Amino acid sequence: MIQQRLAQRRSFREEQEEARPQLRPLLRKPYERGTASAWSDLLHRPRRRNSIWRGTRLSS
């Protein structure tokens, strides 16, 4: 049981090491965008419904 867990951890760590070079370029762009933006611009805001739905009523 312990040997299996150690093997799983080793496999996971190896996968992470292999993925790291591919992730760096993907993370660089958002990081650079974040340094050039106000923090409030980076917050996720709830999306509003399309304007075509505003002001319309569903008939019952």
N, C-alpha and C. Protein backbone atom coordinates (compact mmCIF):
# COMPACT_ATOMS: atom_id res chain seq x y z
N MET A 1 0.83 -1.20 0.00
CA MET A 1 0.00 0.00 0.00
C MET A 1 0.87 1.26 0.00
N ILE A 2 1.85 1.29 0.86
CA ILE A 2 2.73 2.45 0.93
C ILE A 2 3.55 2.60 -0.35
N GLN A 3 4.02 1.47 -0.86
CA GLN A 3 4.80 1.51 -2.10
C GLN A 3 3.97 2.04 -3.27
N GLN A 4 2.70 1.65 -3.28
CA GLN A 4 1.81 2.12 -4.35
C GLN A 4 1.61 3.63 -4.25
N ARG A 5 1.41 4.13 -3.04
CA ARG A 5 1.24 5.58 -2.85
C ARG A 5 2.49 6.34 -3.25
N LEU A 6 3.66 5.80 -2.89
CA LEU A 6 4.91 6.45 -3.27
C LEU A 6 5.08 6.47 -4.79
N ALA A 7 4.70 5.40 -5.43
CA ALA A 7 4.79 5.34 -6.89
C ALA A 7 3.82 6.35 -7.53
N GLN A 8 2.63 6.49 -6.96
CA GLN A 8 1.67 7.46 -7.47
C GLN A 8 2.20 8.88 -7.31
N ARG A 9 2.76 9.17 -6.16
CA ARG A 9 3.31 10.51 -5.91
C ARG A 9 4.46 10.81 -6.86
N ARG A 10 5.32 9.83 -7.08
CA ARG A 10 6.45 9.99 -7.98
C ARG A 10 5.96 10.26 -9.40
N SER A 11 4.96 9.50 -9.83
CA SER A 11 4.39 9.67 -11.17
C SER A 11 3.77 11.06 -11.32
N PHE A 12 3.03 11.48 -10.30
CA PHE A 12 2.42 12.81 -10.33
C PHE A 12 3.49 13.89 -10.41
N ARG A 13 4.52 13.78 -9.62
CA ARG A 13 5.61 14.76 -9.62
C ARG A 13 6.30 14.82 -10.97
N GLU A 14 6.51 13.66 -11.59
CA GLU A 14 7.14 13.63 -12.91
C GLU A 14 6.26 14.30 -13.96
N GLU A 15 4.95 14.06 -13.88
CA GLU A 15 4.03 14.71 -14.81
C GLU A 15 4.06 16.23 -14.64
N GLN A 16 4.12 16.67 -13.40
CA GLN A 16 4.18 18.11 -13.13
C GLN A 16 5.46 18.72 -13.68
N GLU A 17 6.55 18.04 -13.51
CA GLU A 17 7.83 18.53 -14.02
C GLU A 17 7.82 18.62 -15.55
N GLU A 18 7.19 17.65 -16.20
CA GLU A 18 7.11 17.67 -17.66
C GLU A 18 6.20 18.78 -18.16
N ALA A 19 5.14 19.07 -17.43
CA ALA A 19 4.17 20.08 -17.85
C ALA A 19 4.65 21.51 -17.58
N ARG A 20 5.55 21.69 -16.64
CA ARG A 20 5.99 23.02 -16.24
C ARG A 20 6.48 23.89 -17.40
N PRO A 21 7.36 23.41 -18.28
CA PRO A 21 7.82 24.26 -19.39
C PRO A 21 6.68 24.70 -20.33
N GLN A 22 5.65 23.89 -20.46
CA GLN A 22 4.53 24.25 -21.31
C GLN A 22 3.62 25.27 -20.63
N LEU A 23 3.55 25.23 -19.32
CA LEU A 23 2.68 26.14 -18.59
C LEU A 23 3.26 27.54 -18.46
N ARG A 24 4.57 27.65 -18.41
CA ARG A 24 5.19 28.95 -18.22
C ARG A 24 4.74 29.99 -19.25
N PRO A 25 4.80 29.68 -20.56
CA PRO A 25 4.33 30.68 -21.52
C PRO A 25 2.84 31.01 -21.39
N LEU A 26 2.05 30.01 -20.99
CA LEU A 26 0.61 30.25 -20.82
C LEU A 26 0.32 31.18 -19.65
N LEU A 27 1.15 31.14 -18.63
CA LEU A 27 0.96 31.98 -17.46
C LEU A 27 1.61 33.35 -17.60
N ARG A 28 2.59 33.47 -18.45
CA ARG A 28 3.32 34.72 -18.59
C ARG A 28 2.42 35.86 -19.07
N LYS A 29 1.60 35.61 -20.08
CA LYS A 29 0.75 36.67 -20.65
C LYS A 29 -0.24 37.23 -19.62
N PRO A 30 -1.01 36.39 -18.92
CA PRO A 30 -1.91 36.95 -17.90
C PRO A 30 -1.16 37.66 -16.78
N TYR A 31 0.00 37.16 -16.43
CA TYR A 31 0.79 37.80 -15.39
C TYR A 31 1.21 39.20 -15.83
N GLU A 32 1.67 39.33 -17.06
CA GLU A 32 2.07 40.63 -17.57
C GLU A 32 0.88 41.57 -17.71
N ARG A 33 -0.27 41.02 -18.11
CA ARG A 33 -1.48 41.84 -18.20
C ARG A 33 -1.88 42.34 -16.82
N GLY A 34 -1.69 41.49 -15.83
CA GLY A 34 -2.04 41.87 -14.47
C GLY A 34 -1.17 42.99 -13.92
N THR A 35 0.09 43.02 -14.30
CA THR A 35 0.96 44.07 -13.79
C THR A 35 0.64 45.42 -14.43
N ALA A 36 -0.01 45.40 -15.59
CA ALA A 36 -0.34 46.64 -16.29
C ALA A 36 -1.77 47.09 -16.04
N SER A 37 -2.52 46.38 -15.21
CA SER A 37 -3.93 46.68 -14.99
C SER A 37 -4.18 47.03 -13.53
N ALA A 38 -5.23 47.78 -13.32
CA ALA A 38 -5.68 48.05 -11.95
C ALA A 38 -6.26 46.76 -11.37
N TRP A 39 -6.11 46.56 -10.08
CA TRP A 39 -6.57 45.31 -9.49
C TRP A 39 -8.07 45.12 -9.67
N SER A 40 -8.84 46.22 -9.66
CA SER A 40 -10.30 46.08 -9.80
C SER A 40 -10.68 45.61 -11.20
N ASP A 41 -9.84 45.89 -12.20
CA ASP A 41 -10.11 45.42 -13.55
C ASP A 41 -9.87 43.92 -13.69
N LEU A 42 -9.14 43.34 -12.78
CA LEU A 42 -8.82 41.92 -12.85
C LEU A 42 -9.83 41.03 -12.13
N LEU A 43 -10.74 41.65 -11.37
CA LEU A 43 -11.73 40.87 -10.64
C LEU A 43 -12.75 40.30 -11.60
N HIS A 44 -13.17 39.09 -11.32
CA HIS A 44 -14.22 38.47 -12.14
C HIS A 44 -15.54 39.07 -11.71
N ARG A 45 -16.26 39.54 -12.67
CA ARG A 45 -17.58 40.11 -12.39
C ARG A 45 -18.63 39.21 -13.03
N PRO A 46 -19.80 39.14 -12.39
CA PRO A 46 -20.86 38.33 -13.00
C PRO A 46 -21.24 38.90 -14.36
N ARG A 47 -21.44 38.03 -15.30
CA ARG A 47 -21.83 38.48 -16.63
C ARG A 47 -23.29 38.88 -16.64
N ARG A 48 -23.56 39.92 -17.38
CA ARG A 48 -24.95 40.34 -17.53
C ARG A 48 -25.55 39.61 -18.73
N ARG A 49 -26.84 39.47 -18.68
CA ARG A 49 -27.51 38.86 -19.82
C ARG A 49 -27.40 39.78 -21.02
N ASN A 50 -27.51 39.22 -22.17
CA ASN A 50 -27.48 40.01 -23.39
C ASN A 50 -28.53 41.10 -23.35
N SER A 51 -28.22 42.22 -23.97
CA SER A 51 -29.14 43.35 -23.96
C SER A 51 -30.44 43.03 -24.70
N ILE A 52 -30.43 42.03 -25.57
CA ILE A 52 -31.66 41.70 -26.28
C ILE A 52 -32.72 41.15 -25.33
N TRP A 53 -32.29 40.65 -24.19
CA TRP A 53 -33.25 40.10 -23.24
C TRP A 53 -33.75 41.15 -22.26
N ARG A 54 -33.08 42.25 -22.17
CA ARG A 54 -33.51 43.29 -21.23
C ARG A 54 -34.78 43.96 -21.75
N GLY A 55 -35.69 44.18 -20.87
CA GLY A 55 -36.89 44.89 -21.24
C GLY A 55 -37.93 44.03 -21.95
N THR A 56 -37.66 42.76 -22.12
CA THR A 56 -38.66 41.90 -22.75
C THR A 56 -39.39 41.12 -21.68
N ARG A 57 -40.63 40.85 -21.93
CA ARG A 57 -41.43 40.09 -20.97
C ARG A 57 -41.85 38.78 -21.63
N LEU A 58 -41.86 37.77 -20.82
CA LEU A 58 -42.38 36.50 -21.32
C LEU A 58 -43.88 36.49 -21.13
N SER A 59 -44.62 36.12 -22.15
CA SER A 59 -46.07 36.06 -22.00
C SER A 59 -46.43 34.78 -21.27
N SER A 60 -47.42 34.87 -20.41
CA SER A 60 -47.81 33.69 -19.65
C SER A 60 -49.06 33.06 -20.18
